[in-house]
Amino acid sequence: MIRFLILRFVFPLLIFFLIRSVLRSVVAGQARNAAHRFNPRTAPAATGTELKKDPVCGTYVSMAASVTSTVNGSVVHFCSPQCRDKYRAA
């Protein structure tokens, strides 16, 4: 009777919880890795260069890595082409 109970109910429950915990660990690891992927808006600035503030999103970007555009005779620095296009459209 006890053997039947263990084999029929307890063992499958243990297997289910084991598989569930493994899957949760895998999903959490992927989410953690996705957060650490390269993001051009939060990329560290190159050392020894001046930082400029993007007028669209407010991100500070190094002059060497920035996307530039000339507006009314002055150079404006952007963190990405998307921010530059938003600025031009506005």
Protein backbone atom coordinates (compact mmCIF):
# COMPACT_ATOMS: atom_id res chain seq x y z
CA MET A 1 0.00 0.00 0.00
CA ILE A 2 2.76 2.46 0.95
CA ARG A 3 4.78 1.48 -2.12
CA PHE A 4 1.75 2.12 -4.33
CA LEU A 5 1.21 5.53 -2.73
CA ILE A 6 4.85 6.52 -3.19
CA LEU A 7 5.08 5.32 -6.78
CA ARG A 8 1.72 6.68 -7.82
CA PHE A 9 1.67 10.12 -6.14
CA VAL A 10 4.78 11.17 -4.23
CA PHE A 11 7.39 10.27 -6.86
CA PRO A 12 5.64 12.12 -9.74
CA LEU A 13 5.21 15.17 -7.51
CA LEU A 14 8.91 15.19 -6.70
CA ILE A 15 9.78 14.91 -10.39
CA PHE A 16 7.36 17.74 -11.21
CA PHE A 17 8.89 20.10 -8.62
CA LEU A 18 12.41 19.20 -9.73
CA ILE A 19 11.64 20.00 -13.38
CA ARG A 20 9.84 23.19 -12.36
CA SER A 21 12.80 24.46 -10.33
CA VAL A 22 15.23 23.71 -13.17
CA LEU A 23 13.05 25.57 -15.67
CA ARG A 24 12.73 28.56 -13.34
CA SER A 25 16.51 28.69 -12.95
CA VAL A 26 16.99 28.63 -16.72
CA VAL A 27 14.44 31.38 -17.32
CA ALA A 28 15.88 33.55 -14.55
CA GLY A 29 19.38 33.09 -15.98
CA GLN A 30 18.24 34.16 -19.42
CA ALA A 31 16.52 37.23 -18.02
CA ARG A 32 19.66 38.13 -16.10
CA ASN A 33 21.80 37.72 -19.24
CA ALA A 34 19.40 39.83 -21.29
CA ALA A 35 19.78 42.67 -18.80
CA HIS A 36 23.58 42.60 -19.19
CA ARG A 37 23.66 42.63 -22.99
CA PHE A 38 25.23 45.60 -24.71
CA ASN A 39 22.96 48.61 -24.69
CA PRO A 40 24.31 51.63 -26.58
CA ARG A 41 22.49 54.05 -24.27
CA THR A 42 24.21 52.71 -21.17
CA ALA A 43 27.58 51.81 -22.67
CA PRO A 44 30.51 52.97 -20.58
CA ALA A 45 32.27 56.03 -21.93
CA ALA A 46 35.75 55.70 -23.35
CA THR A 47 38.38 56.90 -20.90
CA GLY A 48 39.82 60.34 -21.43
CA THR A 49 36.97 61.71 -23.53
CA GLU A 50 34.44 64.37 -22.75
CA LEU A 51 30.82 63.36 -22.16
CA LYS A 52 27.93 65.12 -23.88
CA LYS A 53 24.27 64.93 -22.90
CA ASP A 54 21.79 63.63 -25.47
CA PRO A 55 19.01 66.28 -25.72
CA VAL A 56 16.33 63.64 -26.46
CA CYS A 57 16.76 60.98 -23.79
CA GLY A 58 19.25 62.65 -21.43
CA THR A 59 21.88 59.92 -21.68
CA TYR A 60 25.51 61.00 -21.38
CA VAL A 61 27.62 59.72 -24.26
CA SER A 62 31.31 60.16 -25.06
CA MET A 63 32.18 62.44 -27.92
CA ALA A 64 34.04 59.60 -29.64
CA ALA A 65 31.02 57.26 -29.58
CA SER A 66 28.30 59.83 -30.20
CA VAL A 67 26.21 60.36 -33.32
CA THR A 68 26.48 64.00 -34.31
CA SER A 69 24.32 66.43 -36.22
CA THR A 70 24.78 70.11 -36.98
CA VAL A 71 21.84 72.26 -35.88
CA ASN A 72 21.92 76.03 -36.45
CA GLY A 73 25.70 75.98 -36.83
CA SER A 74 26.39 74.04 -33.61
CA VAL A 75 27.21 70.34 -33.25
CA VAL A 76 24.70 68.31 -31.22
CA HIS A 77 25.66 64.88 -29.85
CA PHE A 78 23.23 61.95 -29.68
CA CYS A 79 23.51 58.47 -28.17
CA SER A 80 21.94 56.73 -31.18
CA PRO A 81 20.62 57.37 -34.67
CA GLN A 82 17.09 56.90 -33.32
CA CYS A 83 17.49 59.84 -30.91
CA ARG A 84 18.98 61.95 -33.71
CA ASP A 85 15.98 61.17 -35.94
CA LYS A 86 13.53 62.02 -33.13
CA TYR A 87 15.31 65.35 -32.61
CA ARG A 88 15.17 66.15 -36.32
CA ALA A 89 11.45 65.25 -36.49
CA ALA A 90 10.54 67.52 -33.57
